PDB file of N, CA and C in Angstrom:
ATOM      1  N   UNK A   1      87.793  24.589 -31.008  1.00  0.00           N
ATOM      2  CA  UNK A   1      88.974  24.525 -31.966  1.00  0.00           C
ATOM      3  C   UNK A   1      88.747  25.590 -33.015  1.00  0.00           C
ATOM      4  N   UNK A   2      89.978  26.349 -33.403  1.00  0.00           N
ATOM      5  CA  UNK A   2      89.925  27.100 -34.484  1.00  0.00           C
ATOM      6  C   UNK A   2      91.044  26.819 -35.430  1.00  0.00           C
ATOM      7  N   UNK A   3      90.901  26.994 -36.762  1.00  0.00           N
ATOM      8  CA  UNK A   3      91.992  26.864 -37.677  1.00  0.00           C
ATOM      9  C   UNK A   3      92.945  27.881 -37.721  1.00  0.00           C
ATOM     10  N   UNK A   4      94.255  27.591 -37.730  1.00  0.00           N
ATOM     11  CA  UNK A   4      95.304  28.472 -37.886  1.00  0.00           C
ATOM     12  C   UNK A   4      95.540  28.669 -39.413  1.00  0.00           C
ATOM     13  N   UNK A   5      95.257  27.705 -40.076  1.00  0.00           N
ATOM     14  CA  UNK A   5      95.369  27.806 -41.562  1.00  0.00           C
ATOM     15  C   UNK A   5      94.492  26.728 -42.164  1.00  0.00           C
ATOM     16  N   UNK A   6      94.014  26.961 -43.323  1.00  0.00           N
ATOM     17  CA  UNK A   6      93.351  26.007 -44.117  1.00  0.00           C
ATOM     18  C   UNK A   6      94.366  25.555 -45.269  1.00  0.00           C
ATOM     19  N   UNK A   7      95.393  26.025 -45.341  1.00  0.00           N
ATOM     20  CA  UNK A   7      96.587  25.439 -46.310  1.00  0.00           C
ATOM     21  C   UNK A   7      96.338  25.911 -47.658  1.00  0.00           C
ATOM     22  N   UNK A   8      95.421  26.816 -48.013  1.00  0.00           N
ATOM     23  CA  UNK A   8      95.196  27.368 -49.449  1.00  0.00           C
ATOM     24  C   UNK A   8      94.832  28.796 -49.179  1.00  0.00           C
ATOM     25  N   UNK A   9      95.398  29.675 -50.051  1.00  0.00           N
ATOM     26  CA  UNK A   9      95.035  30.934 -50.101  1.00  0.00           C
ATOM     27  C   UNK A   9      94.517  31.465 -51.436  1.00  0.00           C
ATOM     28  N   UNK A  10      94.233  30.317 -52.299  1.00  0.00           N
ATOM     29  CA  UNK A  10      93.460  30.417 -53.622  1.00  0.00           C
ATOM     30  C   UNK A  10      94.259  31.432 -54.482  1.00  0.00           C
ATOM     31  N   UNK A  11      95.624  31.334 -54.614  1.00  0.00           N
ATOM     32  CA  UNK A  11      96.351  32.129 -55.522  1.00  0.00           C
ATOM     33  C   UNK A  11      96.909  30.985 -56.577  1.00  0.00           C
ATOM     34  N   UNK A  12      96.710  31.551 -57.789  1.00  0.00           N
ATOM     35  CA  UNK A  12      97.072  30.500 -59.028  1.00  0.00           C
ATOM     36  C   UNK A  12      98.627  30.388 -58.951  1.00  0.00           C
ATOM     37  N   UNK A  13      99.127  29.212 -59.296  1.00  0.00           N
ATOM     38  CA  UNK A  13     100.481  28.985 -59.210  1.00  0.00           C
ATOM     39  C   UNK A  13     101.313  29.881 -60.050  1.00  0.00           C
ATOM     40  N   UNK A  14     100.823  30.205 -61.234  1.00  0.00           N
ATOM     41  CA  UNK A  14     101.570  31.251 -62.130  1.00  0.00           C
ATOM     42  C   UNK A  14     101.772  32.565 -61.448  1.00  0.00           C
ATOM     43  N   UNK A  15     100.689  32.979 -60.705  1.00  0.00           N
ATOM     44  CA  UNK A  15     100.730  34.329 -60.018  1.00  0.00           C
ATOM     45  C   UNK A  15     101.784  34.287 -58.949  1.00  0.00           C
ATOM     46  N   UNK A  16     101.806  33.136 -58.241  1.00  0.00           N
ATOM     47  CA  UNK A  16     102.720  33.048 -57.131  1.00  0.00           C
ATOM     48  C   UNK A  16     104.140  33.076 -57.762  1.00  0.00           C
ATOM     49  N   UNK A  17     104.533  32.371 -58.807  1.00  0.00           N
ATOM     50  CA  UNK A  17     105.742  32.438 -59.511  1.00  0.00           C
ATOM     51  C   UNK A  17     106.111  33.854 -59.904  1.00  0.00           C
ATOM     52  N   UNK A  18     105.150  34.709 -60.386  1.00  0.00           N
ATOM     53  CA  UNK A  18     105.420  36.056 -60.873  1.00  0.00           C
ATOM     54  C   UNK A  18     105.753  36.956 -59.629  1.00  0.00           C
ATOM     55  N   UNK A  19     105.022  36.815 -58.494  1.00  0.00           N
ATOM     56  CA  UNK A  19     105.268  37.722 -57.419  1.00  0.00           C
ATOM     57  C   UNK A  19     106.318  37.314 -56.555  1.00  0.00           C
ATOM     58  N   UNK A  20     106.758  36.019 -56.492  1.00  0.00           N
ATOM     59  CA  UNK A  20     107.774  35.359 -55.492  1.00  0.00           C
ATOM     60  C   UNK A  20     109.094  36.225 -55.619  1.00  0.00           C
ATOM     61  N   UNK A  21     109.576  36.367 -56.661  1.00  0.00           N
ATOM     62  CA  UNK A  21     110.910  37.151 -56.659  1.00  0.00           C
ATOM     63  C   UNK A  21     110.855  38.717 -56.113  1.00  0.00           C
ATOM     64  N   UNK A  22     109.630  39.149 -56.002  1.00  0.00           N
ATOM     65  CA  UNK A  22     109.458  40.536 -55.614  1.00  0.00           C
ATOM     66  C   UNK A  22     109.096  40.765 -54.190  1.00  0.00           C
ATOM     67  N   UNK A  23     108.997  39.652 -53.447  1.00  0.00           N
ATOM     68  CA  UNK A  23     108.497  39.730 -51.967  1.00  0.00           C
ATOM     69  C   UNK A  23     109.615  39.131 -51.071  1.00  0.00           C
ATOM     70  N   UNK A  24     109.950  40.037 -50.053  1.00  0.00           N
ATOM     71  CA  UNK A  24     110.951  39.582 -49.010  1.00  0.00           C
ATOM     72  C   UNK A  24     110.530  38.692 -48.021  1.00  0.00           C
ATOM     73  N   UNK A  25     111.305  37.821 -47.470  1.00  0.00           N
ATOM     74  CA  UNK A  25     110.905  36.999 -46.390  1.00  0.00           C
ATOM     75  C   UNK A  25     110.169  37.899 -45.288  1.00  0.00           C
ATOM     76  N   UNK A  26     109.140  37.276 -44.527  1.00  0.00           N
ATOM     77  CA  UNK A  26     108.373  38.098 -43.380  1.00  0.00           C
ATOM     78  C   UNK A  26     107.638  39.262 -44.051  1.00  0.00           C
ATOM     79  N   UNK A  27     107.477  39.396 -45.221  1.00  0.00           N
ATOM     80  CA  UNK A  27     106.547  40.551 -45.643  1.00  0.00           C
ATOM     81  C   UNK A  27     105.289  40.282 -45.316  1.00  0.00           C
ATOM     82  N   UNK A  28     104.545  41.192 -44.729  1.00  0.00           N
ATOM     83  CA  UNK A  28     103.097  40.945 -44.206  1.00  0.00           C
ATOM     84  C   UNK A  28     102.119  40.944 -45.408  1.00  0.00           C
ATOM     85  N   UNK A  29     101.033  40.409 -45.159  1.00  0.00           N
ATOM     86  CA  UNK A  29      99.991  40.437 -46.206  1.00  0.00           C
ATOM     87  C   UNK A  29      98.588  40.347 -45.440  1.00  0.00           C
ATOM     88  N   UNK A  30      97.599  40.607 -46.251  1.00  0.00           N
ATOM     89  CA  UNK A  30      96.281  40.581 -45.772  1.00  0.00           C
ATOM     90  C   UNK A  30      95.528  39.357 -46.287  1.00  0.00           C
ATOM     91  N   UNK A  31      94.892  38.511 -45.442  1.00  0.00           N
ATOM     92  CA  UNK A  31      94.002  37.498 -46.029  1.00  0.00           C
ATOM     93  C   UNK A  31      92.645  38.005 -45.711  1.00  0.00           C
ATOM     94  N   UNK A  32      91.650  38.005 -46.716  1.00  0.00           N
ATOM     95  CA  UNK A  32      90.389  38.370 -46.538  1.00  0.00           C
ATOM     96  C   UNK A  32      89.469  37.164 -46.425  1.00  0.00           C
ATOM     97  N   UNK A  33      88.708  37.279 -45.179  1.00  0.00           N
ATOM     98  CA  UNK A  33      87.687  36.156 -45.217  1.00  0.00           C
ATOM     99  C   UNK A  33      86.550  36.434 -45.708  1.00  0.00           C
ATOM    100  N   UNK A  34      85.974  35.763 -46.743  1.00  0.00           N
ATOM    101  CA  UNK A  34      84.947  36.095 -47.505  1.00  0.00           C
ATOM    102  C   UNK A  34      84.207  34.756 -48.142  1.00  0.00           C
ATOM    103  N   UNK A  35      83.425  34.083 -47.240  1.00  0.00           N
ATOM    104  CA  UNK A  35      82.768  32.976 -47.697  1.00  0.00           C
ATOM    105  C   UNK A  35      81.755  32.960 -48.828  1.00  0.00           C
ATOM    106  N   UNK A  36      81.249  34.151 -49.153  1.00  0.00           N
ATOM    107  CA  UNK A  36      80.353  34.367 -50.210  1.00  0.00           C
ATOM    108  C   UNK A  36      80.989  35.417 -51.082  1.00  0.00           C
ATOM    109  N   UNK A  37      80.928  35.042 -52.444  1.00  0.00           N
ATOM    110  CA  UNK A  37      81.418  36.066 -53.431  1.00  0.00           C
ATOM    111  C   UNK A  37      80.496  35.975 -54.553  1.00  0.00           C
ATOM    112  N   UNK A  38      80.261  37.280 -55.118  1.00  0.00           N
ATOM    113  CA  UNK A  38      79.510  37.508 -56.317  1.00  0.00           C
ATOM    114  C   UNK A  38      80.290  38.064 -57.439  1.00  0.00           C
ATOM    115  N   UNK A  39      80.196  37.558 -58.496  1.00  0.00           N
ATOM    116  CA  UNK A  39      80.828  38.138 -59.772  1.00  0.00           C
ATOM    117  C   UNK A  39      80.005  38.249 -61.001  1.00  0.00           C
ATOM    118  N   UNK A  40      80.168  39.323 -61.683  1.00  0.00           N
ATOM    119  CA  UNK A  40      79.327  39.499 -62.976  1.00  0.00           C
ATOM    120  C   UNK A  40      80.376  39.447 -64.107  1.00  0.00           C
ATOM    121  N   UNK A  41      80.015  38.533 -65.040  1.00  0.00           N
ATOM    122  CA  UNK A  41      80.904  38.398 -66.218  1.00  0.00           C
ATOM    123  C   UNK A  41      80.608  39.509 -67.251  1.00  0.00           C
ATOM    124  N   UNK A  42      81.616  39.631 -68.212  1.00  0.00           N
ATOM    125  CA  UNK A  42      81.357  40.728 -69.225  1.00  0.00           C
ATOM    126  C   UNK A  42      80.250  40.479 -70.088  1.00  0.00           C
ATOM    127  N   UNK A  43      79.670  39.189 -70.101  1.00  0.00           N
ATOM    128  CA  UNK A  43      78.468  38.935 -70.965  1.00  0.00           C
ATOM    129  C   UNK A  43      77.222  39.028 -70.262  1.00  0.00           C
ATOM    130  N   UNK A  44      77.333  39.408 -68.880  1.00  0.00           N
ATOM    131  CA  UNK A  44      76.105  39.645 -68.085  1.00  0.00           C
ATOM    132  C   UNK A  44      75.698  38.640 -67.101  1.00  0.00           C
ATOM    133  N   UNK A  45      76.416  37.431 -67.108  1.00  0.00           N
ATOM    134  CA  UNK A  45      76.154  36.382 -66.225  1.00  0.00           C
ATOM    135  C   UNK A  45      76.574  36.831 -64.911  1.00  0.00           C
ATOM    136  N   UNK A  46      75.752  36.017 -63.925  1.00  0.00           N
ATOM    137  CA  UNK A  46      76.099  36.282 -62.442  1.00  0.00           C
ATOM    138  C   UNK A  46      76.596  35.054 -61.870  1.00  0.00           C
ATOM    139  N   UNK A  47      77.615  34.999 -61.167  1.00  0.00           N
ATOM    140  CA  UNK A  47      78.155  33.896 -60.642  1.00  0.00           C
ATOM    141  C   UNK A  47      78.387  34.160 -59.048  1.00  0.00           C
ATOM    142  N   UNK A  48      77.910  32.907 -58.468  1.00  0.00           N
ATOM    143  CA  UNK A  48      77.905  32.878 -56.826  1.00  0.00           C
ATOM    144  C   UNK A  48      78.890  31.791 -56.456  1.00  0.00           C
ATOM    145  N   UNK A  49      79.651  32.203 -55.595  1.00  0.00           N
ATOM    146  CA  UNK A  49      80.745  31.231 -55.046  1.00  0.00           C
ATOM    147  C   UNK A  49      80.374  31.205 -53.387  1.00  0.00           C
ATOM    148  N   UNK A  50      80.080  30.117 -52.869  1.00  0.00           N
ATOM    149  CA  UNK A  50      79.694  30.081 -51.409  1.00  0.00           C
ATOM    150  C   UNK A  50      80.621  28.947 -50.737  1.00  0.00           C
ATOM    151  N   UNK A  51      81.253  29.258 -49.755  1.00  0.00           N
ATOM    152  CA  UNK A  51      82.125  28.350 -48.844  1.00  0.00           C
ATOM    153  C   UNK A  51      81.271  28.277 -47.487  1.00  0.00           C
ATOM    154  N   UNK A  52      81.580  27.181 -46.832  1.00  0.00           N
ATOM    155  CA  UNK A  52      81.043  27.167 -45.433  1.00  0.00           C
ATOM    156  C   UNK A  52      81.715  28.137 -44.587  1.00  0.00           C
ATOM    157  N   UNK A  53      80.934  28.637 -43.740  1.00  0.00           N
ATOM    158  CA  UNK A  53      81.454  29.862 -42.718  1.00  0.00           C
ATOM    159  C   UNK A  53      82.107  29.243 -41.566  1.00  0.00           C
ATOM    160  N   UNK A  54      83.431  28.627 -41.799  1.00  0.00           N
ATOM    161  CA  UNK A  54      84.146  27.941 -40.749  1.00  0.00           C
ATOM    162  C   UNK A  54      84.225  28.696 -39.452  1.00  0.00           C
ATOM    163  N   UNK A  55      84.326  30.091 -39.471  1.00  0.00           N
ATOM    164  CA  UNK A  55      84.667  30.891 -38.329  1.00  0.00           C
ATOM    165  C   UNK A  55      83.345  31.397 -37.854  1.00  0.00           C
ATOM    166  N   UNK A  56      82.182  31.121 -38.502  1.00  0.00           N
ATOM    167  CA  UNK A  56      80.962  31.563 -38.128  1.00  0.00           C
ATOM    168  C   UNK A  56      80.901  33.013 -37.811  1.00  0.00           C
ATOM    169  N   UNK A  57      81.311  33.764 -38.835  1.00  0.00           N
ATOM    170  CA  UNK A  57      81.367  35.133 -38.823  1.00  0.00           C
ATOM    171  C   UNK A  57      80.228  35.800 -39.595  1.00  0.00           C
ATOM    172  N   UNK A  58      79.458  34.999 -40.328  1.00  0.00           N
ATOM    173  CA  UNK A  58      78.387  35.521 -41.170  1.00  0.00           C
ATOM    174  C   UNK A  58      77.168  35.009 -40.498  1.00  0.00           C
ATOM    175  N   UNK A  59      76.267  35.830 -40.145  1.00  0.00           N
ATOM    176  CA  UNK A  59      74.974  35.412 -39.459  1.00  0.00           C
ATOM    177  C   UNK A  59      74.027  34.488 -40.336  1.00  0.00           C
ATOM    178  N   UNK A  60      74.075  34.858 -41.755  1.00  0.00           N
ATOM    179  CA  UNK A  60      73.170  34.047 -42.651  1.00  0.00           C
ATOM    180  C   UNK A  60      73.652  34.195 -43.984  1.00  0.00           C
ATOM    181  N   UNK A  61      74.284  33.094 -44.531  1.00  0.00           N
ATOM    182  CA  UNK A  61      74.992  33.104 -45.715  1.00  0.00           C
ATOM    183  C   UNK A  61      74.044  33.467 -46.828  1.00  0.00           C
ATOM    184  N   UNK A  62      72.748  33.142 -46.926  1.00  0.00           N
ATOM    185  CA  UNK A  62      71.648  33.431 -47.891  1.00  0.00           C
ATOM    186  C   UNK A  62      71.514  34.901 -47.894  1.00  0.00           C
ATOM    187  N   UNK A  63      71.375  35.474 -46.619  1.00  0.00           N
ATOM    188  CA  UNK A  63      71.158  36.853 -46.702  1.00  0.00           C
ATOM    189  C   UNK A  63      72.527  37.671 -47.182  1.00  0.00           C
ATOM    190  N   UNK A  64      73.683  37.189 -46.953  1.00  0.00           N
ATOM    191  CA  UNK A  64      74.915  37.714 -47.323  1.00  0.00           C
ATOM    192  C   UNK A  64      74.941  37.657 -48.859  1.00  0.00           C
ATOM    193  N   UNK A  65      74.581  36.466 -49.500  1.00  0.00           N
ATOM    194  CA  UNK A  65      74.426  36.433 -50.921  1.00  0.00           C
ATOM    195  C   UNK A  65      73.607  37.262 -51.554  1.00  0.00           C
ATOM    196  N   UNK A  66      72.401  37.479 -50.867  1.00  0.00           N
ATOM    197  CA  UNK A  66      71.433  38.336 -51.399  1.00  0.00           C
ATOM    198  C   UNK A  66      71.812  39.873 -51.352  1.00  0.00           C
ATOM    199  N   UNK A  67      72.503  40.122 -50.289  1.00  0.00           N
ATOM    200  CA  UNK A  67      73.031  41.496 -50.129  1.00  0.00           C
ATOM    201  C   UNK A  67      74.092  41.926 -51.151  1.00  0.00           C
ATOM    202  N   UNK A  68      75.048  40.960 -51.527  1.00  0.00           N
ATOM    203  CA  UNK A  68      76.047  41.092 -52.474  1.00  0.00           C
ATOM    204  C   UNK A  68      75.412  41.184 -53.875  1.00  0.00           C
ATOM    205  N   UNK A  69      74.483  40.369 -54.219  1.00  0.00           N
ATOM    206  CA  UNK A  69      73.770  40.405 -55.397  1.00  0.00           C
ATOM    207  C   UNK A  69      73.111  41.952 -55.555  1.00  0.00           C
ATOM    208  N   UNK A  70      72.543  42.350 -54.581  1.00  0.00           N
ATOM    209  CA  UNK A  70      71.854  43.614 -54.766  1.00  0.00           C
ATOM    210  C   UNK A  70      72.852  44.713 -54.801  1.00  0.00           C
ATOM    211  N   UNK A  71      74.070  44.621 -54.084  1.00  0.00           N
ATOM    212  CA  UNK A  71      74.999  45.626 -54.321  1.00  0.00           C
ATOM    213  C   UNK A  71      75.633  45.722 -55.687  1.00  0.00           C
ATOM    214  N   UNK A  72      75.535  44.420 -56.391  1.00  0.00           N
ATOM    215  CA  UNK A  72      76.004  44.515 -57.782  1.00  0.00           C
ATOM    216  C   UNK A  72      74.946  44.770 -58.806  1.00  0.00           C
ATOM    217  N   UNK A  73      73.793  45.323 -58.226  1.00  0.00           N
ATOM    218  CA  UNK A  73      72.756  45.557 -59.136  1.00  0.00           C
ATOM    219  C   UNK A  73      72.143  44.491 -60.024  1.00  0.00           C
ATOM    220  N   UNK A  74      72.278  43.212 -59.437  1.00  0.00           N
ATOM    221  CA  UNK A  74      72.029  42.023 -60.276  1.00  0.00           C
ATOM    222  C   UNK A  74      70.708  41.397 -59.654  1.00  0.00           C
ATOM    223  N   UNK A  75      70.014  41.853 -58.778  1.00  0.00           N
ATOM    224  CA  UNK A  75      68.732  41.152 -58.308  1.00  0.00           C
ATOM    225  C   UNK A  75      67.763  40.850 -59.335  1.00  0.00           C
ATOM    226  N   UNK A  76      67.724  41.495 -60.511  1.00  0.00           N
ATOM    227  CA  UNK A  76      66.737  41.056 -61.607  1.00  0.00           C
ATOM    228  C   UNK A  76      67.450  40.177 -62.618  1.00  0.00           C
ATOM    229  N   UNK A  77      68.571  39.867 -62.308  1.00  0.00           N
ATOM    230  CA  UNK A  77      69.417  39.004 -63.279  1.00  0.00           C
ATOM    231  C   UNK A  77      69.610  37.500 -62.837  1.00  0.00           C
ATOM    232  N   UNK A  78      69.264  37.317 -61.503  1.00  0.00           N
ATOM    233  CA  UNK A  78      69.490  35.993 -61.018  1.00  0.00           C
ATOM    234  C   UNK A  78      68.213  35.101 -60.813  1.00  0.00           C
ATOM    235  N   UNK A  79      68.353  33.829 -60.870  1.00  0.00           N
ATOM    236  CA  UNK A  79      67.320  32.950 -60.443  1.00  0.00           C
ATOM    237  C   UNK A  79      67.567  32.644 -58.953  1.00  0.00           C
ATOM    238  N   UNK A  80      66.620  33.183 -58.292  1.00  0.00           N
ATOM    239  CA  UNK A  80      66.720  33.050 -56.700  1.00  0.00           C
ATOM    240  C   UNK A  80      66.601  31.681 -56.219  1.00  0.00           C
ATOM    241  N   UNK A  81      66.086  30.583 -56.892  1.00  0.00           N
ATOM    242  CA  UNK A  81      66.034  29.272 -56.665  1.00  0.00           C
ATOM    243  C   UNK A  81      67.610  28.745 -56.753  1.00  0.00           C
ATOM    244  N   UNK A  82      68.255  29.181 -57.913  1.00  0.00           N
ATOM    245  CA  UNK A  82      69.654  28.794 -57.991  1.00  0.00           C
ATOM    246  C   UNK A  82      70.507  29.260 -56.779  1.00  0.00           C
ATOM    247  N   UNK A  83      70.174  30.501 -56.467  1.00  0.00           N
ATOM    248  CA  UNK A  83      71.022  31.152 -55.382  1.00  0.00           C
ATOM    249  C   UNK A  83      70.829  30.273 -54.000  1.00  0.00           C
ATOM    250  N   UNK A  84      69.546  30.043 -53.816  1.00  0.00           N
ATOM    251  CA  UNK A  84      69.367  29.314 -52.459  1.00  0.00           C
ATOM    252  C   UNK A  84      69.998  27.900 -52.599  1.00  0.00           C
ATOM    253  N   UNK A  85      69.978  27.222 -53.763  1.00  0.00           N
ATOM    254  CA  UNK A  85      70.602  26.008 -53.910  1.00  0.00           C
ATOM    255  C   UNK A  85      72.061  26.093 -53.722  1.00  0.00           C
ATOM    256  N   UNK A  86      72.714  27.019 -54.316  1.00  0.00           N
ATOM    257  CA  UNK A  86      74.113  27.353 -54.182  1.00  0.00           C
ATOM    258  C   UNK A  86      74.581  27.603 -52.710  1.00  0.00           C
ATOM    259  N   UNK A  87      73.897  28.301 -52.181  1.00  0.00           N
ATOM    260  CA  UNK A  87      73.992  28.668 -50.642  1.00  0.00           C
ATOM    261  C   UNK A  87      73.861  27.326 -49.807  1.00  0.00           C
ATOM    262  N   UNK A  88      72.935  26.498 -50.189  1.00  0.00           N
ATOM    263  CA  UNK A  88      72.836  25.220 -49.329  1.00  0.00           C
ATOM    264  C   UNK A  88      73.948  24.120 -49.674  1.00  0.00           C
ATOM    265  N   UNK A  89      74.529  24.268 -50.937  1.00  0.00           N
ATOM    266  CA  UNK A  89      75.512  23.283 -51.364  1.00  0.00           C
ATOM    267  C   UNK A  89      76.809  23.814 -50.717  1.00  0.00           C
ATOM    268  N   UNK A  90      77.082  25.010 -50.654  1.00  0.00           N
ATOM    269  CA  UNK A  90      78.470  25.484 -50.204  1.00  0.00           C
ATOM    270  C   UNK A  90      79.643  24.824 -50.858  1.00  0.00           C
ATOM    271  N   UNK A  91      79.544  24.690 -52.156  1.00  0.00           N
ATOM    272  CA  UNK A  91      80.559  23.875 -52.864  1.00  0.00           C
ATOM    273  C   UNK A  91      82.042  24.646 -53.107  1.00  0.00           C
ATOM    274  N   UNK A  92      81.925  25.857 -52.918  1.00  0.00           N
ATOM    275  CA  UNK A  92      83.265  26.697 -52.865  1.00  0.00           C
ATOM    276  C   UNK A  92      83.673  26.848 -54.397  1.00  0.00           C
ATOM    277  N   UNK A  93      82.719  26.445 -55.402  1.00  0.00           N
ATOM    278  CA  UNK A  93      82.983  26.674 -56.682  1.00  0.00           C
ATOM    279  C   UNK A  93      82.022  27.679 -57.220  1.00  0.00           C
ATOM    280  N   UNK A  94      82.589  28.536 -58.066  1.00  0.00           N
ATOM    281  CA  UNK A  94      81.555  29.609 -58.792  1.00  0.00           C
ATOM    282  C   UNK A  94      80.413  28.934 -59.489  1.00  0.00           C
ATOM    283  N   UNK A  95      79.323  29.355 -59.150  1.00  0.00           N
ATOM    284  CA  UNK A  95      78.122  28.644 -59.941  1.00  0.00           C
ATOM    285  C   UNK A  95      77.400  29.813 -60.575  1.00  0.00           C
ATOM    286  N   UNK A  96      76.904  29.416 -61.876  1.00  0.00           N
ATOM    287  CA  UNK A  96      76.191  30.537 -62.610  1.00  0.00           C
ATOM    288  C   UNK A  96      74.840  30.366 -62.097  1.00  0.00           C
ATOM    289  N   UNK A  97      74.269  31.583 -61.503  1.00  0.00           N
ATOM    290  CA  UNK A  97      72.888  31.809 -60.909  1.00  0.00           C
ATOM    291  C   UNK A  97      72.139  32.679 -61.754  1.00  0.00           C
ATOM    292  N   UNK A  98      72.533  32.790 -63.088  1.00  0.00           N
ATOM    293  CA  UNK A  98      71.794  33.800 -63.987  1.00  0.00           C
ATOM    294  C   UNK A  98      70.413  33.260 -64.428  1.00  0.00           C
ATOM    295  N   UNK A  99      69.553  34.103 -64.424  1.00  0.00           N
ATOM    296  CA  UNK A  99      68.257  33.843 -64.835  1.00  0.00           C
ATOM    297  C   UNK A  99      68.223  33.564 -66.201  1.00  0.00           C
ATOM    298  N   UNK A 100      67.779  32.423 -66.861  1.00  0.00           N
ATOM    299  CA  UNK A 100      67.932  32.188 -68.144  1.00  0.00           C
ATOM    300  C   UNK A 100      66.831  32.938 -68.955  1.00  0.00           C
ATOM    301  N   UNK A 101      66.871  33.081 -70.258  1.00  0.00           N
ATOM    302  CA  UNK A 101      65.836  33.778 -71.092  1.00  0.00           C
ATOM    303  C   UNK A 101      64.552  33.146 -70.867  1.00  0.00           C
ATOM    304  N   UNK A 102      64.609  31.763 -70.976  1.00  0.00           N
ATOM    305  CA  UNK A 102      63.319  31.059 -70.865  1.00  0.00           C
ATOM    306  C   UNK A 102      62.760  31.256 -69.472  1.00  0.00           C
ATOM    307  N   UNK A 103      63.541  31.392 -68.376  1.00  0.00           N
ATOM    308  CA  UNK A 103      63.024  31.565 -67.057  1.00  0.00           C
ATOM    309  C   UNK A 103      62.446  33.026 -66.983  1.00  0.00           C
ATOM    310  N   UNK A 104      63.239  33.929 -67.548  1.00  0.00           N
ATOM    311  CA  UNK A 104      62.884  35.227 -67.506  1.00  0.00           C
ATOM    312  C   UNK A 104      61.485  35.504 -68.254  1.00  0.00           C
ATOM    313  N   UNK A 105      61.392  34.815 -69.244  1.00  0.00           N
ATOM    314  CA  UNK A 105      60.122  35.038 -70.146  1.00  0.00           C
ATOM    315  C   UNK A 105      58.981  34.414 -69.395  1.00  0.00           C
ATOM    316  N   UNK A 106      59.076  33.429 -68.673  1.00  0.00           N
ATOM    317  CA  UNK A 106      58.185  32.888 -67.767  1.00  0.00           C
ATOM    318  C   UNK A 106      57.532  33.734 -66.737  1.00  0.00           C
ATOM    319  N   UNK A 107      58.358  34.696 -66.302  1.00  0.00           N
ATOM    320  CA  UNK A 107      58.088  35.551 -65.269  1.00  0.00           C
ATOM    321  C   UNK A 107      57.396  36.849 -65.785  1.00  0.00           C
ATOM    322  N   UNK A 108      57.324  36.916 -67.178  1.00  0.00           N
ATOM    323  CA  UNK A 108      56.680  38.207 -67.871  1.00  0.00           C
ATOM    324  C   UNK A 108      55.251  38.045 -67.720  1.00  0.00           C
ATOM    325  N   UNK A 109      54.441  39.106 -67.528  1.00  0.00           N
ATOM    326  CA  UNK A 109      53.088  39.009 -67.631  1.00  0.00           C
ATOM    327  C   UNK A 109      52.730  39.302 -69.146  1.00  0.00           C
ATOM    328  N   UNK A 110      51.403  39.273 -69.378  1.00  0.00           N
ATOM    329  CA  UNK A 110      50.916  39.491 -70.693  1.00  0.00           C
ATOM    330  C   UNK A 110      51.389  40.661 -71.410  1.00  0.00           C
ATOM    331  N   UNK A 111      51.509  41.822 -70.593  1.00  0.00           N
ATOM    332  CA  UNK A 111      51.873  42.927 -71.262  1.00  0.00           C
ATOM    333  C   UNK A 111      53.439  43.252 -71.156  1.00  0.00           C
ATOM    334  N   UNK A 112      54.169  42.290 -70.820  1.00  0.00           N
ATOM    335  CA  UNK A 112      55.639  42.280 -70.818  1.00  0.00           C
ATOM    336  C   UNK A 112      56.141  42.921 -69.397  1.00  0.00           C
ATOM    337  N   UNK A 113      55.180  43.053 -68.464  1.00  0.00           N
ATOM    338  CA  UNK A 113      55.554  43.525 -67.255  1.00  0.00           C
ATOM    339  C   UNK A 113      56.118  42.350 -66.295  1.00  0.00           C
ATOM    340  N   UNK A 114      57.255  42.552 -65.819  1.00  0.00           N
ATOM    341  CA  UNK A 114      57.888  41.611 -64.871  1.00  0.00           C
ATOM    342  C   UNK A 114      56.983  41.348 -63.597  1.00  0.00           C
ATOM    343  N   UNK A 115      56.711  39.965 -63.418  1.00  0.00           N
ATOM    344  CA  UNK A 115      56.071  39.668 -62.268  1.00  0.00           C
ATOM    345  C   UNK A 115      57.140  39.120 -61.330  1.00  0.00           C
ATOM    346  N   UNK A 116      57.210  39.660 -60.032  1.00  0.00           N
ATOM    347  CA  UNK A 116      58.063  39.182 -59.080  1.00  0.00           C
ATOM    348  C   UNK A 116      57.346  38.616 -57.904  1.00  0.00           C
ATOM    349  N   UNK A 117      58.069  37.845 -57.105  1.00  0.00           N
ATOM    350  CA  UNK A 117      57.583  37.120 -55.920  1.00  0.00           C
ATOM    351  C   UNK A 117      58.304  37.630 -54.765  1.00  0.00           C
ATOM    352  N   UNK A 118      57.680  37.628 -53.625  1.00  0.00           N
ATOM    353  CA  UNK A 118      58.241  38.109 -52.453  1.00  0.00           C
ATOM    354  C   UNK A 118      59.124  36.893 -51.965  1.00  0.00           C
ATOM    355  N   UNK A 119      59.397  35.713 -52.489  1.00  0.00           N
ATOM    356  CA  UNK A 119      60.188  34.668 -51.968  1.00  0.00           C
ATOM    357  C   UNK A 119      61.582  35.059 -51.779  1.00  0.00           C
ATOM    358  N   UNK A 120      62.277  35.940 -52.645  1.00  0.00           N
ATOM    359  CA  UNK A 120      63.609  36.172 -52.451  1.00  0.00           C
ATOM    360  C   UNK A 120      63.824  37.151 -51.586  1.00  0.00           C
TER     361      UNK A 120
END
């Protein structure tokens, strides 16, 4: 079984009202299938949104999340445990996976050198 529609294209109602008068009937569009999304806020926080891969197009959602985080140059800004938890939940809601100052301080060595683990 495959889905022909999930019934939601995640467009805010106000945006639909804005564009509706400008679009003719039968105008084509593009739906982008992206079950993993990463966003950086203006204040430096990192958000991860993970949906279930209903079409089974992504081999590994955690690897996909890691790849996107790295492409955003945010690998040193995230708490990888939060990333793994977000991937497991697949809540479909953007989750703040930013490494807190307290967590970051705990990863610093005595001379202020970041200590990393091979877990991520």
